[in-house]
Amino acid sequence: MAAKTGKRAKIRRLDASDDLYEIFGAGQGGVPEKPDCGRDEPFGTMLEEALSGIDHREMLRRKYPGPDAAGPAMQSVAQQAAPRAELDLHGCHVHEALVRVEAFVETCALQGLDAARIIVGRGLHSQSGAVLPDAVEKKIVELKRRGRIAAFAWEKRHKRASGSVIVYLP
């Protein structure tokens, strides 16, 4: 394999028959020794064999506990349980909205709800544009880090298009 130099050097595409020890070891003072793992199988075959006994759904269930085996982070909003509580933040200043969001999430958790809607608005009537979506999203991410929220999703998939966010509680 001859390496090209310069701005227009092409990157070689590798396939299954290429020996990575020869390709990547050549520039470092020779070819490194291949580790002797006692097998002559390709790495992909060994990886598949090693992962064959793992129940992937069970792993996801443990990582994302929720209404479905795949968990709330793996499903679309339409497939989730409908929110049974709603908080409307129209007219709130940022500090007040953040306090209300945290209290609302705690109340929903105490009531055993699995999903709730927080309406932040799109900022269409604000003089300086939408401020709440960004601030509330930061608060939701903080609550998620603290384990108070399992997952969240903007209703129309985009923050600026929807004006409301669905939070899924653990």
C-alpha atoms as a PDB file:
ATOM      1  CA  MET A   1       0.000   0.000   0.000  1.00  0.00           C
ATOM      2  CA  ALA A   2       1.548   3.290  -1.086  1.00  0.00           C
ATOM      3  CA  ALA A   3       0.456   6.282   0.959  1.00  0.00           C
ATOM      4  CA  LYS A   4      -0.187   9.515  -0.878  1.00  0.00           C
ATOM      5  CA  THR A   5       0.733  12.820   0.651  1.00  0.00           C
ATOM      6  CA  GLY A   6      -0.607  16.292   0.075  1.00  0.00           C
ATOM      7  CA  LYS A   7      -4.038  17.915   0.135  1.00  0.00           C
ATOM      8  CA  ARG A   8      -5.665  15.499  -2.289  1.00  0.00           C
ATOM      9  CA  ALA A   9      -4.484  12.231  -0.761  1.00  0.00           C
ATOM     10  CA  LYS A  10      -7.267   9.673  -0.838  1.00  0.00           C
ATOM     11  CA  ILE A  11      -8.174   7.613   2.153  1.00  0.00           C
ATOM     12  CA  ARG A  12      -8.073   3.931   1.472  1.00  0.00           C
ATOM     13  CA  ARG A  13     -11.246   2.003   2.179  1.00  0.00           C
ATOM     14  CA  LEU A  14     -10.691  -1.105   4.211  1.00  0.00           C
ATOM     15  CA  ASP A  15     -12.478  -4.389   3.755  1.00  0.00           C
ATOM     16  CA  ALA A  16     -12.630  -7.655   5.691  1.00  0.00           C
ATOM     17  CA  SER A  17      -9.501  -9.057   4.041  1.00  0.00           C
ATOM     18  CA  ASP A  18      -7.236  -6.153   5.159  1.00  0.00           C
ATOM     19  CA  ASP A  19      -4.841  -6.836   8.025  1.00  0.00           C
ATOM     20  CA  LEU A  20      -4.997  -3.854  10.380  1.00  0.00           C
ATOM     21  CA  TYR A  21      -1.726  -4.812  12.091  1.00  0.00           C
ATOM     22  CA  GLU A  22       0.123  -4.389   8.821  1.00  0.00           C
ATOM     23  CA  ILE A  23      -1.688  -1.200   7.797  1.00  0.00           C
ATOM     24  CA  PHE A  24      -1.437   0.722  11.073  1.00  0.00           C
ATOM     25  CA  GLY A  25       1.779  -0.743  12.397  1.00  0.00           C
ATOM     26  CA  ALA A  26       3.904   0.018   9.326  1.00  0.00           C
ATOM     27  CA  GLY A  27       4.441   3.699  10.190  1.00  0.00           C
ATOM     28  CA  GLN A  28       5.654   2.965  13.728  1.00  0.00           C
ATOM     29  CA  GLY A  29       8.907   1.133  13.182  1.00  0.00           C
ATOM     30  CA  GLY A  30       7.555  -2.086  11.776  1.00  0.00           C
ATOM     31  CA  VAL A  31       4.606  -4.356  12.123  1.00  0.00           C
ATOM     32  CA  PRO A  32       3.548  -5.000  15.715  1.00  0.00           C
ATOM     33  CA  GLU A  33       3.077  -8.564  16.775  1.00  0.00           C
ATOM     34  CA  LYS A  34      -0.445  -9.865  16.613  1.00  0.00           C
ATOM     35  CA  PRO A  35      -1.751 -10.816  20.016  1.00  0.00           C
ATOM     36  CA  ASP A  36      -2.037 -14.553  20.388  1.00  0.00           C
ATOM     37  CA  CYS A  37      -5.542 -15.222  21.605  1.00  0.00           C
ATOM     38  CA  GLY A  38      -5.401 -18.819  20.469  1.00  0.00           C
ATOM     39  CA  ARG A  39      -7.998 -18.286  17.757  1.00  0.00           C
ATOM     40  CA  ASP A  40      -7.851 -17.589  14.075  1.00  0.00           C
ATOM     41  CA  GLU A  41     -11.445 -16.298  13.793  1.00  0.00           C
ATOM     42  CA  PRO A  42     -12.144 -12.765  12.592  1.00  0.00           C
ATOM     43  CA  PHE A  43     -12.877 -10.254  15.316  1.00  0.00           C
ATOM     44  CA  GLY A  44     -16.494  -9.791  14.166  1.00  0.00           C
ATOM     45  CA  THR A  45     -17.210 -13.478  14.618  1.00  0.00           C
ATOM     46  CA  MET A  46     -15.681 -13.468  18.100  1.00  0.00           C
ATOM     47  CA  LEU A  47     -17.690 -10.359  19.068  1.00  0.00           C
ATOM     48  CA  GLU A  48     -20.967 -11.863  17.867  1.00  0.00           C
ATOM     49  CA  GLU A  49     -20.202 -15.034  19.803  1.00  0.00           C
ATOM     50  CA  ALA A  50     -19.421 -13.084  22.970  1.00  0.00           C
ATOM     51  CA  LEU A  51     -22.646 -11.040  22.734  1.00  0.00           C
ATOM     52  CA  SER A  52     -24.909 -13.918  21.701  1.00  0.00           C
ATOM     53  CA  GLY A  53     -26.004 -14.795  25.245  1.00  0.00           C
ATOM     54  CA  ILE A  54     -26.941 -11.240  26.234  1.00  0.00           C
ATOM     55  CA  ASP A  55     -30.606 -10.248  26.454  1.00  0.00           C
ATOM     56  CA  HIS A  56     -30.509  -6.746  24.950  1.00  0.00           C
ATOM     57  CA  ARG A  57     -34.116  -5.948  25.913  1.00  0.00           C
ATOM     58  CA  GLU A  58     -33.368  -6.768  29.543  1.00  0.00           C
ATOM     59  CA  MET A  59     -30.329  -4.474  29.455  1.00  0.00           C
ATOM     60  CA  LEU A  60     -32.496  -1.645  28.086  1.00  0.00           C
ATOM     61  CA  ARG A  61     -35.193  -2.372  30.694  1.00  0.00           C
ATOM     62  CA  ARG A  62     -32.629  -1.927  33.456  1.00  0.00           C
ATOM     63  CA  LYS A  63     -31.110   1.199  31.925  1.00  0.00           C
ATOM     64  CA  TYR A  64     -34.439   2.862  31.012  1.00  0.00           C
ATOM     65  CA  PRO A  65     -37.126   1.697  33.423  1.00  0.00           C
ATOM     66  CA  GLY A  66     -40.466   2.813  32.085  1.00  0.00           C
ATOM     67  CA  PRO A  67     -43.774   1.806  30.570  1.00  0.00           C
ATOM     68  CA  ASP A  68     -42.133  -0.289  27.849  1.00  0.00           C
ATOM     69  CA  ALA A  69     -39.144  -2.635  27.752  1.00  0.00           C
ATOM     70  CA  ALA A  70     -37.181  -0.219  25.602  1.00  0.00           C
ATOM     71  CA  GLY A  71     -37.913   2.651  27.984  1.00  0.00           C
ATOM     72  CA  PRO A  72     -39.099   6.189  27.371  1.00  0.00           C
ATOM     73  CA  ALA A  73     -35.880   7.374  25.745  1.00  0.00           C
ATOM     74  CA  MET A  74     -36.247   4.745  23.023  1.00  0.00           C
ATOM     75  CA  GLN A  75     -39.840   5.506  21.994  1.00  0.00           C
ATOM     76  CA  SER A  76     -41.490   8.364  20.206  1.00  0.00           C
ATOM     77  CA  VAL A  77     -43.764  10.706  22.135  1.00  0.00           C
ATOM     78  CA  ALA A  78     -46.825   9.372  20.279  1.00  0.00           C
ATOM     79  CA  GLN A  79     -46.228   5.859  21.640  1.00  0.00           C
ATOM     80  CA  GLN A  80     -45.966   6.986  25.261  1.00  0.00           C
ATOM     81  CA  ALA A  81     -48.777   7.188  27.769  1.00  0.00           C
ATOM     82  CA  ALA A  82     -50.639  10.470  27.483  1.00  0.00           C
ATOM     83  CA  PRO A  83     -49.596  13.072  30.050  1.00  0.00           C
ATOM     84  CA  ARG A  84     -52.066  13.173  32.917  1.00  0.00           C
ATOM     85  CA  ALA A  85     -50.895  16.510  34.350  1.00  0.00           C
ATOM     86  CA  GLU A  86     -50.061  19.856  32.787  1.00  0.00           C
ATOM     87  CA  LEU A  87     -48.215  22.976  33.865  1.00  0.00           C
ATOM     88  CA  ASP A  88     -48.720  26.164  31.841  1.00  0.00           C
ATOM     89  CA  LEU A  89     -45.886  28.676  32.248  1.00  0.00           C
ATOM     90  CA  HIS A  90     -47.319  31.430  30.019  1.00  0.00           C
ATOM     91  CA  GLY A  91     -46.671  34.821  31.614  1.00  0.00           C
ATOM     92  CA  CYS A  92     -44.059  33.545  34.079  1.00  0.00           C
ATOM     93  CA  HIS A  93     -40.659  35.112  34.511  1.00  0.00           C
ATOM     94  CA  VAL A  94     -37.711  32.712  34.228  1.00  0.00           C
ATOM     95  CA  HIS A  95     -36.975  32.367  37.960  1.00  0.00           C
ATOM     96  CA  GLU A  96     -40.640  31.765  38.808  1.00  0.00           C
ATOM     97  CA  ALA A  97     -40.962  29.246  35.959  1.00  0.00           C
ATOM     98  CA  LEU A  98     -37.958  27.234  37.145  1.00  0.00           C
ATOM     99  CA  VAL A  99     -39.295  27.046  40.716  1.00  0.00           C
ATOM    100  CA  ARG A 100     -42.710  25.970  39.419  1.00  0.00           C
ATOM    101  CA  VAL A 101     -41.185  23.291  37.136  1.00  0.00           C
ATOM    102  CA  GLU A 102     -39.270  21.685  39.994  1.00  0.00           C
ATOM    103  CA  ALA A 103     -42.302  21.761  42.307  1.00  0.00           C
ATOM    104  CA  PHE A 104     -44.524  20.376  39.526  1.00  0.00           C
ATOM    105  CA  VAL A 105     -42.177  17.459  38.818  1.00  0.00           C
ATOM    106  CA  GLU A 106     -41.970  16.606  42.526  1.00  0.00           C
ATOM    107  CA  THR A 107     -45.769  16.734  42.857  1.00  0.00           C
ATOM    108  CA  CYS A 108     -46.251  14.495  39.804  1.00  0.00           C
ATOM    109  CA  ALA A 109     -43.741  12.001  41.212  1.00  0.00           C
ATOM    110  CA  LEU A 110     -45.559  11.937  44.569  1.00  0.00           C
ATOM    111  CA  GLN A 111     -48.849  11.305  42.749  1.00  0.00           C
ATOM    112  CA  GLY A 112     -47.283   8.372  40.876  1.00  0.00           C
ATOM    113  CA  LEU A 113     -47.732   9.872  37.408  1.00  0.00           C
ATOM    114  CA  ASP A 114     -45.585   8.541  34.590  1.00  0.00           C
ATOM    115  CA  ALA A 115     -45.812  11.504  32.196  1.00  0.00           C
ATOM    116  CA  ALA A 116     -46.589  15.222  32.410  1.00  0.00           C
ATOM    117  CA  ARG A 117     -46.693  18.167  29.992  1.00  0.00           C
ATOM    118  CA  ILE A 118     -44.964  21.472  30.632  1.00  0.00           C
ATOM    119  CA  ILE A 119     -46.121  24.306  28.373  1.00  0.00           C
ATOM    120  CA  VAL A 120     -43.435  26.939  27.890  1.00  0.00           C
ATOM    121  CA  GLY A 121     -44.822  28.697  24.824  1.00  0.00           C
ATOM    122  CA  ARG A 122     -42.971  29.642  21.688  1.00  0.00           C
ATOM    123  CA  GLY A 123     -42.347  33.270  22.579  1.00  0.00           C
ATOM    124  CA  LEU A 124     -44.540  34.676  19.792  1.00  0.00           C
ATOM    125  CA  HIS A 125     -45.861  37.487  22.007  1.00  0.00           C
ATOM    126  CA  SER A 126     -42.589  38.259  23.789  1.00  0.00           C
ATOM    127  CA  GLN A 127     -40.694  41.406  22.923  1.00  0.00           C
ATOM    128  CA  SER A 128     -37.296  39.692  23.220  1.00  0.00           C
ATOM    129  CA  GLY A 129     -38.297  36.275  21.852  1.00  0.00           C
ATOM    130  CA  ALA A 130     -38.656  32.945  23.614  1.00  0.00           C
ATOM    131  CA  VAL A 131     -36.642  32.692  26.818  1.00  0.00           C
ATOM    132  CA  LEU A 132     -38.491  29.970  28.721  1.00  0.00           C
ATOM    133  CA  PRO A 133     -37.817  27.004  26.391  1.00  0.00           C
ATOM    134  CA  ASP A 134     -34.049  27.186  26.911  1.00  0.00           C
ATOM    135  CA  ALA A 135     -34.259  27.881  30.644  1.00  0.00           C
ATOM    136  CA  VAL A 136     -36.826  25.138  31.291  1.00  0.00           C
ATOM    137  CA  GLU A 137     -34.841  22.653  29.207  1.00  0.00           C
ATOM    138  CA  LYS A 138     -31.742  23.336  31.334  1.00  0.00           C
ATOM    139  CA  LYS A 139     -33.815  22.763  34.478  1.00  0.00           C
ATOM    140  CA  ILE A 140     -35.227  19.507  33.072  1.00  0.00           C
ATOM    141  CA  VAL A 141     -31.721  18.281  32.204  1.00  0.00           C
ATOM    142  CA  GLU A 142     -30.633  19.086  35.774  1.00  0.00           C
ATOM    143  CA  LEU A 143     -33.637  17.167  37.157  1.00  0.00           C
ATOM    144  CA  LYS A 144     -32.804  14.263  34.863  1.00  0.00           C
ATOM    145  CA  ARG A 145     -29.219  14.198  36.167  1.00  0.00           C
ATOM    146  CA  ARG A 146     -30.599  14.114  39.715  1.00  0.00           C
ATOM    147  CA  GLY A 147     -32.856  11.169  38.817  1.00  0.00           C
ATOM    148  CA  ARG A 148     -36.163  13.052  39.182  1.00  0.00           C
ATOM    149  CA  ILE A 149     -36.967  12.699  35.459  1.00  0.00           C
ATOM    150  CA  ALA A 150     -36.345   9.554  33.392  1.00  0.00           C
ATOM    151  CA  ALA A 151     -36.568  11.228  29.972  1.00  0.00           C
ATOM    152  CA  PHE A 152     -38.118  14.170  28.160  1.00  0.00           C
ATOM    153  CA  ALA A 153     -39.120  15.076  24.622  1.00  0.00           C
ATOM    154  CA  TRP A 154     -40.395  18.193  22.893  1.00  0.00           C
ATOM    155  CA  GLU A 155     -43.903  17.499  21.592  1.00  0.00           C
ATOM    156  CA  LYS A 156     -43.232  18.388  17.972  1.00  0.00           C
ATOM    157  CA  ARG A 157     -39.656  17.064  18.169  1.00  0.00           C
ATOM    158  CA  HIS A 158     -38.182  20.565  17.988  1.00  0.00           C
ATOM    159  CA  LYS A 159     -38.031  23.025  20.849  1.00  0.00           C
ATOM    160  CA  ARG A 160     -38.909  26.105  18.780  1.00  0.00           C
ATOM    161  CA  ALA A 161     -41.776  24.421  16.899  1.00  0.00           C
ATOM    162  CA  SER A 162     -43.696  22.899  19.793  1.00  0.00           C
ATOM    163  CA  GLY A 163     -43.844  25.192  22.810  1.00  0.00           C
ATOM    164  CA  SER A 164     -44.336  22.254  25.183  1.00  0.00           C
ATOM    165  CA  VAL A 165     -42.257  19.420  26.544  1.00  0.00           C
ATOM    166  CA  ILE A 166     -43.325  16.030  27.868  1.00  0.00           C
ATOM    167  CA  VAL A 167     -41.419  14.744  30.875  1.00  0.00           C
ATOM    168  CA  TYR A 168     -41.382  11.046  31.794  1.00  0.00           C
ATOM    169  CA  LEU A 169     -40.986  10.256  35.455  1.00  0.00           C
ATOM    170  CA  PRO A 170     -39.146   7.212  36.837  1.00  0.00           C
END
